[in-house]
Amino acid sequence: MIRVMALTAIPSGTVAGCGAGATAVAGETANLTEPPGIRIEALGGIAALRQVVFVDSASGAAYYTLGPMCPPASQCPVSDSANGEVARASVDGYFGLAAAPAFRALRADYGPTPYGADMREYVVTIFANDRMRTIRADDGSMPSLLSEFVNTVMAGVQAAAGR
């Protein structure tokens, strides 16, 4: 079952998933190369797949890819991919959630669940204000706030990409 969070629109000029004017939090580092946006990678699971969604904060341009896991990831074949555009209000909502105090209080790494070999690992990276913040968790260790965020963003990107 996928739960979808209610989104609150925040003007894109004030959106900050990390950085500018905010106190540094766990998992936040400088980012001078990636465009502002949100990337979520879902890795592994029983099928050993790598699923990636990305939404650009400025344009709402989004993409979705799915394929097997293999090292290095840049050389993995992609079995499914699509792109589209996420509505401005949704993009602002995603970044509003990422800037919320409860979200910013999340740890950088929730570690693996013991005996959770078939669980998927999630790597959530938020790029904003020349900073990036990465949070890692798996199906069992992921706090509900992060799980709802992941499900909401993934569902929005997949819908925009026609998936």
C-alpha atoms as a PDB file:
ATOM      1  CA  MET A   1       0.000   0.000   0.000  1.00  0.00           C
ATOM      2  CA  ILE A   2       1.358   3.415  -0.939  1.00  0.00           C
ATOM      3  CA  ARG A   3       0.434   6.346   1.261  1.00  0.00           C
ATOM      4  CA  VAL A   4       0.628   9.808  -0.242  1.00  0.00           C
ATOM      5  CA  MET A   5       1.337  12.855   1.890  1.00  0.00           C
ATOM      6  CA  ALA A   6      -0.589  16.110   1.660  1.00  0.00           C
ATOM      7  CA  LEU A   7       1.647  18.744   0.130  1.00  0.00           C
ATOM      8  CA  THR A   8       1.834  22.392   1.090  1.00  0.00           C
ATOM      9  CA  ALA A   9       2.942  24.708  -1.679  1.00  0.00           C
ATOM     10  CA  ILE A  10       5.818  27.048  -0.840  1.00  0.00           C
ATOM     11  CA  PRO A  11       7.036  29.572  -3.408  1.00  0.00           C
ATOM     12  CA  SER A  12      10.094  28.116  -5.126  1.00  0.00           C
ATOM     13  CA  GLY A  13      12.271  31.082  -4.204  1.00  0.00           C
ATOM     14  CA  THR A  14      11.873  30.267  -0.516  1.00  0.00           C
ATOM     15  CA  VAL A  15      12.186  26.523  -0.790  1.00  0.00           C
ATOM     16  CA  ALA A  16      15.241  25.046   0.885  1.00  0.00           C
ATOM     17  CA  GLY A  17      15.811  21.363   1.313  1.00  0.00           C
ATOM     18  CA  CYS A  18      19.182  22.292   2.700  1.00  0.00           C
ATOM     19  CA  GLY A  19      21.639  25.119   2.943  1.00  0.00           C
ATOM     20  CA  ALA A  20      20.903  28.842   2.654  1.00  0.00           C
ATOM     21  CA  GLY A  21      19.864  30.304   5.938  1.00  0.00           C
ATOM     22  CA  ALA A  22      19.298  26.926   7.570  1.00  0.00           C
ATOM     23  CA  THR A  23      21.293  25.176  10.241  1.00  0.00           C
ATOM     24  CA  ALA A  24      23.486  22.401   8.834  1.00  0.00           C
ATOM     25  CA  VAL A  25      22.070  18.941   9.403  1.00  0.00           C
ATOM     26  CA  ALA A  26      23.390  15.387   9.232  1.00  0.00           C
ATOM     27  CA  GLY A  27      24.202  14.240   5.709  1.00  0.00           C
ATOM     28  CA  GLU A  28      24.500  17.766   4.258  1.00  0.00           C
ATOM     29  CA  THR A  29      27.543  18.721   2.163  1.00  0.00           C
ATOM     30  CA  ALA A  30      28.528  21.217  -0.521  1.00  0.00           C
ATOM     31  CA  ASN A  31      27.118  20.618  -4.005  1.00  0.00           C
ATOM     32  CA  LEU A  32      28.542  22.539  -6.915  1.00  0.00           C
ATOM     33  CA  THR A  33      27.825  20.051  -9.693  1.00  0.00           C
ATOM     34  CA  GLU A  34      24.263  18.695  -9.516  1.00  0.00           C
ATOM     35  CA  PRO A  35      21.220  20.736 -10.538  1.00  0.00           C
ATOM     36  CA  PRO A  36      18.755  21.624  -7.767  1.00  0.00           C
ATOM     37  CA  GLY A  37      16.273  18.807  -7.357  1.00  0.00           C
ATOM     38  CA  ILE A  38      15.382  15.611  -5.555  1.00  0.00           C
ATOM     39  CA  ARG A  39      16.771  12.201  -6.471  1.00  0.00           C
ATOM     40  CA  ILE A  40      15.545   8.979  -4.916  1.00  0.00           C
ATOM     41  CA  GLU A  41      17.254   5.661  -5.565  1.00  0.00           C
ATOM     42  CA  ALA A  42      15.607   2.404  -4.515  1.00  0.00           C
ATOM     43  CA  LEU A  43      18.184  -0.364  -4.603  1.00  0.00           C
ATOM     44  CA  GLY A  44      18.054  -4.121  -4.226  1.00  0.00           C
ATOM     45  CA  GLY A  45      15.135  -6.072  -2.884  1.00  0.00           C
ATOM     46  CA  ILE A  46      14.319  -9.625  -3.852  1.00  0.00           C
ATOM     47  CA  ALA A  47      14.604  -8.736  -7.569  1.00  0.00           C
ATOM     48  CA  ALA A  48      17.927  -6.822  -7.178  1.00  0.00           C
ATOM     49  CA  LEU A  49      16.697  -3.778  -9.099  1.00  0.00           C
ATOM     50  CA  ARG A  50      17.856  -0.158  -9.219  1.00  0.00           C
ATOM     51  CA  GLN A  51      15.023   2.355  -9.555  1.00  0.00           C
ATOM     52  CA  VAL A  52      15.813   6.064  -9.801  1.00  0.00           C
ATOM     53  CA  VAL A  53      13.471   9.045  -9.862  1.00  0.00           C
ATOM     54  CA  PHE A  54      14.565  12.668 -10.175  1.00  0.00           C
ATOM     55  CA  VAL A  55      12.643  15.921 -10.231  1.00  0.00           C
ATOM     56  CA  ASP A  56      14.292  19.244 -11.110  1.00  0.00           C
ATOM     57  CA  SER A  57      13.297  22.022  -8.720  1.00  0.00           C
ATOM     58  CA  ALA A  58      13.317  24.817 -11.303  1.00  0.00           C
ATOM     59  CA  SER A  59      11.443  23.251 -14.194  1.00  0.00           C
ATOM     60  CA  GLY A  60       9.635  20.262 -12.712  1.00  0.00           C
ATOM     61  CA  ALA A  61      11.306  18.087 -15.345  1.00  0.00           C
ATOM     62  CA  ALA A  62      11.349  14.549 -14.034  1.00  0.00           C
ATOM     63  CA  TYR A  63      12.631  11.151 -15.044  1.00  0.00           C
ATOM     64  CA  TYR A  64      12.260   7.574 -13.952  1.00  0.00           C
ATOM     65  CA  THR A  65      14.573   4.647 -14.691  1.00  0.00           C
ATOM     66  CA  LEU A  66      14.466   0.976 -13.734  1.00  0.00           C
ATOM     67  CA  GLY A  67      17.052  -1.714 -14.309  1.00  0.00           C
ATOM     68  CA  PRO A  68      19.190  -4.353 -12.664  1.00  0.00           C
ATOM     69  CA  MET A  69      21.818  -3.496 -10.080  1.00  0.00           C
ATOM     70  CA  CYS A  70      25.387  -3.881 -11.280  1.00  0.00           C
ATOM     71  CA  PRO A  71      28.700  -2.161 -10.611  1.00  0.00           C
ATOM     72  CA  PRO A  72      29.342   0.448 -11.742  1.00  0.00           C
ATOM     73  CA  ALA A  73      25.795   1.796 -11.829  1.00  0.00           C
ATOM     74  CA  SER A  74      26.607   4.039 -14.808  1.00  0.00           C
ATOM     75  CA  GLN A  75      27.101   0.940 -16.964  1.00  0.00           C
ATOM     76  CA  CYS A  76      23.918  -0.893 -15.929  1.00  0.00           C
ATOM     77  CA  PRO A  77      21.367  -1.499 -18.661  1.00  0.00           C
ATOM     78  CA  VAL A  78      18.034   0.253 -18.193  1.00  0.00           C
ATOM     79  CA  SER A  79      14.980  -1.913 -18.780  1.00  0.00           C
ATOM     80  CA  ASP A  80      12.425   0.900 -18.431  1.00  0.00           C
ATOM     81  CA  SER A  81      12.647   4.684 -18.477  1.00  0.00           C
ATOM     82  CA  ALA A  82      10.368   7.647 -18.973  1.00  0.00           C
ATOM     83  CA  ASN A  83      10.259  11.373 -18.378  1.00  0.00           C
ATOM     84  CA  GLY A  84       7.671  14.063 -17.864  1.00  0.00           C
ATOM     85  CA  GLU A  85       6.944  17.239 -15.940  1.00  0.00           C
ATOM     86  CA  VAL A  86       5.767  17.448 -12.340  1.00  0.00           C
ATOM     87  CA  ALA A  87       3.337  20.300 -11.556  1.00  0.00           C
ATOM     88  CA  ARG A  88       4.901  23.384  -9.951  1.00  0.00           C
ATOM     89  CA  ALA A  89       2.712  23.065  -6.840  1.00  0.00           C
ATOM     90  CA  SER A  90       3.887  19.476  -6.315  1.00  0.00           C
ATOM     91  CA  VAL A  91       7.568  20.388  -6.740  1.00  0.00           C
ATOM     92  CA  ASP A  92       7.177  23.240  -4.252  1.00  0.00           C
ATOM     93  CA  GLY A  93       5.383  20.846  -1.919  1.00  0.00           C
ATOM     94  CA  TYR A  94       8.213  18.303  -2.079  1.00  0.00           C
ATOM     95  CA  PHE A  95      10.773  20.973  -1.191  1.00  0.00           C
ATOM     96  CA  GLY A  96       8.483  22.368   1.498  1.00  0.00           C
ATOM     97  CA  LEU A  97       8.389  18.963   3.133  1.00  0.00           C
ATOM     98  CA  ALA A  98      12.171  18.618   2.859  1.00  0.00           C
ATOM     99  CA  ALA A  99      12.631  22.012   4.540  1.00  0.00           C
ATOM    100  CA  ALA A 100      10.269  21.229   7.439  1.00  0.00           C
ATOM    101  CA  PRO A 101      11.943  20.993  10.858  1.00  0.00           C
ATOM    102  CA  ALA A 102      10.809  17.376  11.395  1.00  0.00           C
ATOM    103  CA  PHE A 103      12.329  16.325   8.060  1.00  0.00           C
ATOM    104  CA  ARG A 104      15.548  18.243   8.688  1.00  0.00           C
ATOM    105  CA  ALA A 105      15.833  16.424  12.029  1.00  0.00           C
ATOM    106  CA  LEU A 106      16.074  13.050  10.260  1.00  0.00           C
ATOM    107  CA  ARG A 107      19.408  11.282  10.600  1.00  0.00           C
ATOM    108  CA  ALA A 108      21.714  10.826   7.614  1.00  0.00           C
ATOM    109  CA  ASP A 109      21.761   7.024   7.860  1.00  0.00           C
ATOM    110  CA  TYR A 110      19.301   4.639   9.476  1.00  0.00           C
ATOM    111  CA  GLY A 111      21.424   1.594   8.716  1.00  0.00           C
ATOM    112  CA  PRO A 112      20.325  -1.823   7.513  1.00  0.00           C
ATOM    113  CA  THR A 113      17.608  -3.855   9.185  1.00  0.00           C
ATOM    114  CA  PRO A 114      19.024  -7.008  10.808  1.00  0.00           C
ATOM    115  CA  TYR A 115      18.166 -10.086   8.725  1.00  0.00           C
ATOM    116  CA  GLY A 116      16.717  -7.805   6.036  1.00  0.00           C
ATOM    117  CA  ALA A 117      18.634  -9.167   3.060  1.00  0.00           C
ATOM    118  CA  ASP A 118      15.659  -8.844   0.687  1.00  0.00           C
ATOM    119  CA  MET A 119      14.745  -5.287   1.672  1.00  0.00           C
ATOM    120  CA  ARG A 120      15.291  -2.351  -0.623  1.00  0.00           C
ATOM    121  CA  GLU A 121      17.747   0.367   0.360  1.00  0.00           C
ATOM    122  CA  TYR A 122      16.662   3.952  -0.304  1.00  0.00           C
ATOM    123  CA  VAL A 123      19.033   6.841  -0.926  1.00  0.00           C
ATOM    124  CA  VAL A 124      17.230  10.192  -0.846  1.00  0.00           C
ATOM    125  CA  THR A 125      19.301  13.161  -2.018  1.00  0.00           C
ATOM    126  CA  ILE A 126      18.052  16.738  -1.974  1.00  0.00           C
ATOM    127  CA  PHE A 127      20.035  19.305  -3.969  1.00  0.00           C
ATOM    128  CA  ALA A 128      19.334  22.961  -3.061  1.00  0.00           C
ATOM    129  CA  ASN A 129      21.225  26.203  -2.504  1.00  0.00           C
ATOM    130  CA  ASP A 130      24.617  24.776  -3.542  1.00  0.00           C
ATOM    131  CA  ARG A 131      24.233  22.079  -0.881  1.00  0.00           C
ATOM    132  CA  MET A 132      23.108  18.487  -0.926  1.00  0.00           C
ATOM    133  CA  ARG A 133      21.672  16.293   1.770  1.00  0.00           C
ATOM    134  CA  THR A 134      21.593  12.505   1.586  1.00  0.00           C
ATOM    135  CA  ILE A 135      19.533  10.212   3.800  1.00  0.00           C
ATOM    136  CA  ARG A 136      19.874   6.402   3.676  1.00  0.00           C
ATOM    137  CA  ALA A 137      17.471   3.795   5.019  1.00  0.00           C
ATOM    138  CA  ASP A 138      15.928   0.470   4.058  1.00  0.00           C
ATOM    139  CA  ASP A 139      12.366  -0.833   4.102  1.00  0.00           C
ATOM    140  CA  GLY A 140      12.666  -1.804   7.753  1.00  0.00           C
ATOM    141  CA  SER A 141      14.748   1.039   9.191  1.00  0.00           C
ATOM    142  CA  MET A 142      13.076   3.935   7.376  1.00  0.00           C
ATOM    143  CA  PRO A 143      11.093   6.286   9.659  1.00  0.00           C
ATOM    144  CA  SER A 144       7.484   6.864   8.613  1.00  0.00           C
ATOM    145  CA  LEU A 145       8.084  10.537   7.688  1.00  0.00           C
ATOM    146  CA  LEU A 146      10.833   9.558   5.251  1.00  0.00           C
ATOM    147  CA  SER A 147       8.770   6.643   3.908  1.00  0.00           C
ATOM    148  CA  GLU A 148       5.833   8.946   3.182  1.00  0.00           C
ATOM    149  CA  PHE A 149       8.155  11.469   1.490  1.00  0.00           C
ATOM    150  CA  VAL A 150       9.726   8.748  -0.675  1.00  0.00           C
ATOM    151  CA  ASN A 151       6.333   7.330  -1.660  1.00  0.00           C
ATOM    152  CA  THR A 152       4.924  10.784  -2.440  1.00  0.00           C
ATOM    153  CA  VAL A 153       7.846  11.911  -4.614  1.00  0.00           C
ATOM    154  CA  MET A 154       8.174   8.554  -6.392  1.00  0.00           C
ATOM    155  CA  ALA A 155       4.424   8.432  -7.122  1.00  0.00           C
ATOM    156  CA  GLY A 156       4.459  12.017  -8.424  1.00  0.00           C
ATOM    157  CA  VAL A 157       7.442  11.466 -10.700  1.00  0.00           C
ATOM    158  CA  GLN A 158       6.121   8.138 -11.970  1.00  0.00           C
ATOM    159  CA  ALA A 159       2.719   9.697 -12.703  1.00  0.00           C
ATOM    160  CA  ALA A 160       4.358  12.610 -14.554  1.00  0.00           C
ATOM    161  CA  ALA A 161       6.425  10.097 -16.523  1.00  0.00           C
ATOM    162  CA  GLY A 162       3.356   8.032 -17.409  1.00  0.00           C
ATOM    163  CA  ARG A 163       4.225   5.090 -15.162  1.00  0.00           C
END
